[in-house]
Protein backbone atom coordinates (compact mmCIF):
# COMPACT_ATOMS: atom_id res chain seq x y z
CA MET A 1 2.57 -13.03 25.04
CA GLY A 2 6.39 -12.83 24.87
CA THR A 3 8.17 -12.31 21.55
CA PHE A 4 4.89 -11.32 19.83
CA SER A 5 3.65 -8.87 22.47
CA SER A 6 6.90 -7.08 23.37
CA ALA A 7 5.93 -4.24 20.71
CA GLN A 8 3.84 -2.95 23.44
CA SER A 9 6.70 -1.83 25.30
CA ARG A 10 6.84 1.25 22.83
CA ALA A 11 5.43 4.51 24.22
CA ALA A 12 1.84 4.64 24.09
CA ARG A 13 0.30 7.09 21.31
CA THR A 14 -3.32 8.27 20.74
CA ALA A 15 -4.40 8.14 17.10
CA ALA A 16 -7.50 10.06 15.90
CA ILE A 17 -10.72 8.19 15.31
CA ILE A 18 -11.80 8.29 11.60
CA GLY A 19 -15.68 7.62 11.48
CA THR A 20 -16.67 7.61 7.90
CA GLU A 21 -15.27 6.49 4.55
CA ASP A 22 -15.16 10.23 3.04
CA GLU A 23 -13.36 11.26 6.01
CA ALA A 24 -10.81 8.56 5.64
CA ILE A 25 -10.13 9.90 2.09
CA THR A 26 -10.05 13.42 3.11
CA VAL A 27 -7.34 12.50 5.67
CA ALA A 28 -5.27 10.61 3.35
CA GLY A 29 -5.32 13.64 1.08
CA THR A 30 -3.96 15.88 4.14
CA VAL A 31 -1.27 13.24 5.20
CA ALA A 32 -0.17 13.01 1.41
CA GLU A 33 0.52 16.99 1.19
CA ILE A 34 2.71 16.42 4.35
CA PHE A 35 4.85 13.80 2.80
CA SER A 36 5.12 15.74 -0.38
CA LEU A 37 6.97 18.51 1.19
CA PRO A 38 10.99 18.38 1.04
CA ALA A 39 12.91 17.69 4.10
CA GLN A 40 14.45 20.44 6.03
CA ASP A 41 18.16 20.89 5.65
CA GLY A 42 20.17 19.10 8.15
CA ALA A 43 17.13 17.29 9.56
CA ALA A 44 16.26 14.61 7.32
CA ALA A 45 15.98 11.74 10.11
CA GLN A 46 13.86 13.90 12.22
CA THR A 47 11.51 14.88 9.58
CA ALA A 48 10.98 11.23 8.50
CA GLU A 49 10.16 10.30 12.02
CA ALA A 50 7.79 13.52 12.32
CA ARG A 51 5.95 12.47 9.21
CA LEU A 52 5.52 8.91 10.14
CA GLU A 53 4.27 10.13 13.51
CA VAL A 54 1.81 12.35 11.91
CA LEU A 55 0.83 9.33 9.95
CA SER A 56 0.33 6.97 12.94
CA ARG A 57 -1.73 9.60 14.67
CA SER A 58 -4.15 10.32 11.64
CA GLY A 59 -6.06 7.27 12.39
CA LEU A 60 -5.47 6.05 8.71
CA PHE A 61 -3.99 2.64 10.03
CA GLY A 62 -7.26 1.74 11.66
CA ILE A 63 -9.62 2.14 8.94
CA SER A 64 -9.62 -1.47 7.63
CA VAL A 65 -9.95 -3.01 11.15
CA PRO A 66 -13.07 -5.15 11.37
CA THR A 67 -15.97 -3.51 13.22
CA GLU A 68 -16.05 -6.44 15.86
CA HIS A 69 -12.65 -5.40 16.93
CA GLY A 70 -13.70 -1.37 17.11
CA GLY A 71 -12.82 -0.36 13.72
CA ILE A 72 -15.18 0.89 10.66
CA ASP A 73 -13.78 -1.69 8.06
CA VAL A 74 -14.19 0.55 5.06
CA SER A 75 -14.86 -1.10 1.86
CA ASN A 76 -11.87 -2.15 -0.17
CA THR A 77 -12.89 0.37 -3.02
CA VAL A 78 -12.31 2.84 -0.50
CA LEU A 79 -9.06 1.40 0.62
CA ALA A 80 -7.60 1.47 -2.73
CA GLU A 81 -8.73 5.24 -3.16
CA VAL A 82 -6.81 5.98 -0.07
CA CYS A 83 -3.89 4.27 -1.39
CA ALA A 84 -4.14 6.02 -4.82
CA VAL A 85 -4.53 9.57 -3.05
CA ALA A 86 -1.36 8.82 -0.92
CA ALA A 87 0.75 7.52 -4.19
CA SER A 88 -0.51 10.54 -5.97
CA ARG A 89 1.81 12.66 -3.74
CA SER A 90 4.27 10.36 -2.11
CA ALA A 91 5.33 7.00 -3.70
CA THR A 92 6.96 6.15 -0.54
CA LEU A 93 3.52 6.93 1.58
CA GLY A 94 1.46 4.79 -0.90
CA GLU A 95 3.91 1.87 -0.34
CA ILE A 96 3.68 2.22 3.27
CA ILE A 97 0.10 2.32 3.68
CA ALA A 98 -0.40 -0.36 1.15
CA ALA A 99 1.70 -2.68 2.96
CA HIS A 100 0.06 -1.85 6.22
CA PHE A 101 -3.44 -2.93 4.82
CA VAL A 102 -2.25 -5.95 3.24
CA ALA A 103 -0.73 -7.11 6.42
CA VAL A 104 -3.81 -6.16 8.27
CA GLU A 105 -5.75 -8.40 5.87
CA GLN A 106 -3.27 -11.26 6.62
CA ILE A 107 -3.99 -10.87 10.44
CA ARG A 108 -7.79 -11.01 9.78
CA SER A 109 -7.50 -13.83 7.66
CA HIS A 110 -4.81 -16.13 9.55
CA ALA A 111 -4.19 -14.79 12.97
CA SER A 112 -5.77 -16.48 16.11
CA GLU A 113 -8.47 -14.48 18.06
CA SER A 114 -5.82 -13.78 20.46
CA GLN A 115 -3.30 -12.33 17.94
CA ARG A 116 -6.12 -10.29 16.43
CA SER A 117 -7.18 -8.76 19.67
CA THR A 118 -3.75 -7.53 20.48
CA ILE A 119 -2.85 -6.32 17.23
CA PHE A 120 -5.81 -4.55 16.08
CA SER A 121 -6.20 -2.68 19.41
CA ALA A 122 -2.45 -1.41 18.84
CA ILE A 123 -3.57 -0.46 15.32
CA LEU A 124 -6.49 1.58 16.53
CA ALA A 125 -3.89 3.46 18.83
CA GLY A 126 -1.68 4.27 15.69
CA ALA A 127 0.43 1.25 15.29
CA ARG A 128 1.81 0.24 11.88
CA LEU A 129 2.52 -3.19 10.42
CA ALA A 130 5.37 -3.46 7.83
CA ARG A 131 6.01 -6.35 5.33
CA ALA A 132 9.11 -8.42 4.51
CA SER A 133 10.21 -10.30 1.53
CA ALA A 134 12.64 -13.11 2.09
CA ARG A 135 15.98 -12.66 0.40
CA HIS A 136 18.78 -15.47 -0.26
CA ASN A 137 22.05 -14.92 -2.05
CA ASN A 138 20.66 -11.27 -3.31
CA GLU A 139 17.57 -13.16 -4.81
CA ALA A 140 14.01 -13.46 -3.77
CA ALA A 141 13.18 -16.26 -1.63
CA ASP A 142 10.01 -17.98 -0.43
CA ALA A 143 10.52 -17.47 3.20
CA LEU A 144 12.95 -17.07 6.17
CA ALA A 145 14.14 -20.35 7.90
CA LEU A 146 13.08 -21.17 11.41
CA THR A 147 14.97 -23.56 13.37
CA ALA A 148 13.80 -25.42 16.56
CA SER A 149 15.37 -24.25 19.78
CA GLY A 150 13.61 -25.85 22.81
CA LEU A 151 9.84 -24.83 22.75
CA ALA A 152 10.64 -21.88 20.51
CA TRP A 153 12.75 -20.96 17.11
CA ARG A 154 15.64 -19.24 15.95
CA LEU A 155 15.19 -17.26 12.71
CA ALA A 156 18.19 -16.12 10.48
CA GLY A 157 18.31 -14.56 7.13
CA GLU A 158 17.58 -11.39 5.56
CA ALA A 159 14.72 -9.67 3.70
CA LEU A 160 13.74 -6.50 1.89
CA CYS A 161 11.16 -4.77 3.97
CA THR A 162 8.59 -1.69 3.57
CA PRO A 163 10.25 1.59 3.66
CA CYS A 164 10.99 2.93 7.05
CA THR A 165 10.36 -0.48 8.77
CA ARG A 166 12.44 0.64 11.72
CA HIS A 167 9.79 3.07 12.54
CA ALA A 168 6.90 0.43 12.36
CA ASP A 169 5.62 -1.42 15.30
CA TRP A 170 5.55 -5.05 13.96
CA VAL A 171 7.04 -6.48 10.67
CA LEU A 172 5.20 -9.46 8.88
CA ALA A 173 7.45 -11.76 7.37
CA PRO A 174 7.05 -15.23 5.64
CA ALA A 175 8.76 -18.25 7.43
CA ARG A 176 9.03 -21.91 7.37
CA HIS A 177 10.12 -24.72 9.71
CA ASP A 178 11.00 -28.47 9.09
CA GLY A 179 9.48 -28.43 5.65
CA ALA A 180 6.00 -27.06 6.96
CA ARG A 181 4.11 -24.67 4.74
CA THR A 182 4.82 -21.20 4.76
CA ALA A 183 3.25 -18.98 7.51
CA GLY A 184 3.32 -15.48 8.57
CA LEU A 185 5.50 -14.41 11.32
CA VAL A 186 4.76 -11.28 13.41
CA LEU A 187 7.82 -9.63 14.87
CA PRO A 188 8.21 -6.43 16.95
CA THR A 189 10.54 -4.24 15.00
CA GLY A 190 12.69 -3.45 17.90
CA ILE A 191 13.31 -7.23 18.91
CA GLU A 192 17.00 -8.41 19.64
CA GLY A 193 18.76 -9.62 16.55
CA LEU A 194 17.01 -7.38 13.89
CA THR A 195 19.54 -5.25 12.13
CA TYR A 196 18.48 -2.27 9.66
CA VAL A 197 21.33 -1.73 7.29
CA ALA A 198 20.56 1.58 5.89
CA ASN A 199 21.32 4.61 7.98
CA SER A 200 18.19 6.82 6.83
CA CYS A 201 14.58 6.29 6.00
CA GLU A 202 13.87 9.69 4.74
CA PRO A 203 10.97 9.43 2.10
CA ALA A 204 12.49 10.03 -1.43
CA ILE A 205 10.74 13.10 -2.77
CA GLY A 206 9.25 12.53 -6.08
CA GLY A 207 10.54 8.74 -6.23
CA VAL A 208 10.10 5.50 -4.90
CA GLN A 209 12.01 4.96 -1.39
CA PRO A 210 14.41 1.80 -1.68
CA ALA A 211 13.00 -1.23 0.29
CA GLU A 212 14.53 -1.45 3.77
CA HIS A 213 17.27 -4.11 3.81
CA VAL A 214 16.86 -5.91 7.25
CA LEU A 215 19.32 -8.80 8.71
CA PHE A 216 17.64 -11.59 10.94
CA ARG A 217 20.39 -12.56 13.30
CA ASP A 218 19.46 -15.57 15.51
CA VAL A 219 16.16 -13.79 16.55
CA LEU A 220 14.43 -15.73 19.20
CA VAL A 221 10.87 -16.52 18.23
CA ASP A 222 8.03 -17.77 20.66
CA GLY A 223 5.07 -19.66 18.94
CA ASP A 224 2.71 -17.16 19.58
CA ALA A 225 4.46 -14.92 16.97
CA LEU A 226 3.44 -17.36 14.07
CA LEU A 227 0.00 -16.94 12.18
CA GLN A 228 -2.02 -19.83 11.22
CA PRO A 229 -0.35 -21.39 8.17
CA ALA A 230 -2.30 -20.75 4.77
CA SER A 231 -3.98 -24.10 3.35
CA ASP A 232 -2.59 -25.61 0.20
CA THR A 233 -5.73 -24.42 -1.70
CA ALA A 234 -5.13 -20.80 -0.70
CA ALA A 235 -3.36 -19.61 -3.84
CA HIS A 236 -6.04 -17.01 -4.32
CA ALA A 237 -6.42 -15.85 -0.72
CA VAL A 238 -7.92 -12.54 -0.01
CA PRO A 239 -4.60 -11.03 1.33
CA ARG A 240 -2.98 -11.55 -2.20
CA SER A 241 -6.05 -10.07 -4.05
CA LEU A 242 -5.81 -7.02 -1.76
CA ASP A 243 -2.08 -6.73 -2.45
CA LEU A 244 -2.67 -6.60 -6.25
CA LEU A 245 -5.58 -4.11 -5.94
CA LEU A 246 -3.58 -1.65 -3.72
CA GLU A 247 -0.65 -2.16 -6.08
CA ALA A 248 -3.09 -1.08 -9.00
CA ALA A 249 -3.95 1.88 -6.81
CA ARG A 250 -0.49 2.92 -6.36
CA GLN A 251 -0.06 2.87 -10.21
CA LEU A 252 -3.38 4.64 -10.40
CA GLY A 253 -2.25 7.51 -8.13
CA ALA A 254 1.21 7.92 -9.77
CA GLY A 255 -0.84 7.97 -13.01
CA ARG A 256 -3.00 10.88 -11.71
CA HIS A 257 0.05 13.07 -10.84
CA ALA A 258 1.54 12.56 -14.04
CA LEU A 259 -1.72 13.38 -15.96
CA LEU A 260 -1.97 16.48 -14.17
CA LEU A 261 1.51 17.58 -15.36
CA LEU A 262 0.73 17.01 -18.82
CA ILE A 263 -2.53 18.80 -18.61
CA ASP A 264 -0.78 21.90 -17.09
CA ASP A 265 1.86 21.68 -19.57
CA PRO A 266 0.90 24.67 -21.93
CA ALA A 267 2.69 22.80 -24.75
CA GLY A 268 0.70 19.58 -24.06
CA ASN A 269 -1.67 18.06 -26.67
CA PRO A 270 -5.35 18.68 -25.40
CA LEU A 271 -6.31 15.48 -27.65
CA ALA A 272 -3.54 13.26 -25.69
CA ALA A 273 -4.83 14.81 -22.38
CA GLY A 274 -8.57 13.78 -23.31
CA LEU A 275 -7.50 10.33 -24.27
CA LEU A 276 -5.59 9.48 -21.03
CA SER A 277 -8.06 11.01 -18.87
CA ALA A 278 -10.55 8.38 -20.22
CA ARG A 279 -8.36 5.77 -19.98
CA LEU A 280 -7.47 6.69 -16.27
CA ALA A 281 -11.25 7.08 -15.58
CA ALA A 282 -11.61 3.26 -17.02
CA ALA A 283 -8.93 2.26 -14.61
CA GLU A 284 -10.47 3.88 -11.75
CA ALA A 285 -13.79 2.12 -12.55
CA MET A 286 -11.96 -1.47 -12.88
CA LEU A 287 -10.30 -0.62 -9.32
CA ALA A 288 -13.71 0.16 -7.81
CA GLU A 289 -15.27 -3.25 -9.24
CA ALA A 290 -12.05 -5.00 -8.10
CA GLY A 291 -12.69 -3.59 -4.60
CA ARG A 292 -16.29 -4.80 -4.59
CA ALA A 293 -15.12 -8.40 -5.64
CA VAL A 294 -12.40 -8.36 -2.80
CA ASP A 295 -15.33 -7.27 -0.43
CA ALA A 296 -17.43 -10.34 -1.47
CA ALA A 297 -14.51 -12.66 -0.94
CA GLN A 298 -14.10 -11.30 2.62
CA ILE A 299 -17.55 -12.47 3.48
CA GLY A 300 -18.12 -15.25 1.11
CA LEU A 301 -17.51 -18.82 1.95
CA ALA A 302 -17.39 -20.27 -1.83
CA GLU A 303 -14.23 -20.60 -3.55
CA THR A 304 -15.58 -18.64 -6.60
CA HIS A 305 -15.48 -15.41 -4.48
CA ARG A 306 -11.88 -15.61 -4.10
CA THR A 307 -11.16 -16.53 -7.55
CA ASN A 308 -13.33 -13.61 -9.05
CA ALA A 309 -11.45 -11.24 -6.56
CA PHE A 310 -8.14 -12.35 -7.87
CA LEU A 311 -8.99 -12.02 -11.42
CA ALA A 312 -10.78 -8.74 -10.80
CA ALA A 313 -7.60 -7.53 -9.04
CA VAL A 314 -5.33 -8.79 -11.75
CA ALA A 315 -7.32 -6.84 -14.43
CA ALA A 316 -7.35 -3.58 -12.52
CA LEU A 317 -3.41 -4.07 -12.14
CA ALA A 318 -3.00 -4.57 -15.71
CA VAL A 319 -4.98 -1.52 -16.67
CA ALA A 320 -3.82 0.90 -14.43
CA GLU A 321 -0.07 0.02 -14.97
CA GLU A 322 -0.41 0.12 -18.67
CA THR A 323 -2.36 3.58 -18.40
CA PHE A 324 0.34 4.85 -16.25
CA ARG A 325 2.99 3.67 -18.87
CA GLU A 326 1.12 5.62 -21.37
CA ILE A 327 0.86 8.63 -19.38
CA ARG A 328 4.64 8.68 -18.99
CA ARG A 329 5.34 7.85 -22.64
CA ALA A 330 2.95 11.23 -23.46
CA ALA A 331 5.68 13.32 -21.71
CA SER A 332 7.12 14.07 -25.16
CA PRO A 333 5.37 15.47 -28.22
CA GLU A 334 6.38 12.26 -30.04
CA GLY A 335 4.87 10.12 -27.47
CA GLN A 336 1.56 12.10 -27.71
CA SER A 337 1.54 11.79 -31.39
CA LEU A 338 2.06 8.12 -31.36
CA LEU A 339 -0.68 7.57 -28.65
CA THR A 340 -3.39 9.31 -30.59
CA GLU A 341 -2.66 8.10 -34.18
CA ASN A 342 -5.28 5.71 -36.02
CA LEU A 343 -8.32 7.44 -33.95
CA SER A 344 -11.46 8.16 -35.71
CA PRO A 345 -11.91 11.88 -36.78
CA GLN A 346 -15.35 11.80 -34.49
CA LEU A 347 -13.24 10.52 -31.41
CA CYS A 348 -10.35 12.93 -31.84
CA ALA A 349 -12.73 15.78 -32.00
CA VAL A 350 -14.38 15.00 -28.73
CA LEU A 351 -11.42 13.77 -27.13
CA LYS A 352 -9.75 17.07 -27.87
CA GLU A 353 -12.63 18.87 -26.53
CA SER A 354 -12.44 16.93 -23.40
CA GLY A 355 -8.76 17.77 -22.82
CA GLU A 356 -9.55 21.46 -23.31
CA LEU A 357 -12.29 21.32 -20.70
CA ARG A 358 -9.88 19.82 -18.29
CA ARG A 359 -7.15 22.11 -18.91
CA ALA A 360 -9.65 25.12 -18.28
CA ASP A 361 -10.85 23.45 -15.15
CA ARG A 362 -7.24 23.11 -13.78
CA GLN A 363 -6.74 26.90 -14.72
CA ARG A 364 -9.76 28.33 -12.99
CA GLY A 365 -9.36 29.74 -9.70
CA PRO A 366 -11.42 28.52 -6.58
CA ASP A 367 -13.39 31.59 -6.71
CA GLU A 368 -14.44 30.99 -10.36
CA GLU A 369 -15.87 27.75 -9.57
CA GLY A 370 -19.73 27.53 -10.16
């Protein structure tokens, strides 16, 4: 398939097969532990590549592949939990996984049967999809411009991409030609004309890895690299709702990590810990509900399914982001006091008890669990 299939020239790898949703969450935790470890001195690049290879071989990339293509097609609630688990230990890992899952959904929604067959087969073997956001004059742009070149096109421009895109197999970029609607463009990351500006993609420990700056310099693009353009009425298409849901999951994961630091702090206020634990639990419930709404939109034919999924995902993102903000503000005693003021005495009492229970549970050793 020309440009599109040239990613298959990469050395073949073998990925594990994840058979259940519970296993997917367990594997995500194991990989997240690896990504949270500091790099070895003098071996940053090698460490990054080694971690990404472990991720590819873990089987996580294939868990959302449809069953008709050999995957187990986990629920979107589980997909969100996988991203939350990853983001709780490594912001970079959470971003890499979320971008891949959203790109898989775009392939499911807009690719031809031939494209789906090729890409899904590679994903089950450990291939990764990255995503690109077009830039023009240092500002966000809708799409990269395609120029006709015989029976093919030429692509030029720049984009900010998923961290470590250079080590992915394909990058999915928005593109437009001759005034047509924006469509997805699937390009092998090693295709001639792609230039990666930065020198390293070592995941940043404890922070968000900067997006990878990629230049597209007169890239030759075959027609089989284009996905089917989305219709004009696809403003609330499933990939967009899934993108919002997984962003909420990443905020939730970061919030979980920050909350554990607060609970473990001997000077922390148990009342604040109890309140924030309750709000985090509410955010988790909203993510689960949004995941079910996206599930329904994937199989439902009515526009109302897609609208409901979008609304639920937006609500989940709003609550998850606000909860994460409150947890960060509670890092100071002043922030904890402001957070808990104006609560009723009864609520304060039970929230303090809840916070104390959570702290005791964290301090209890594995041998003491009953």
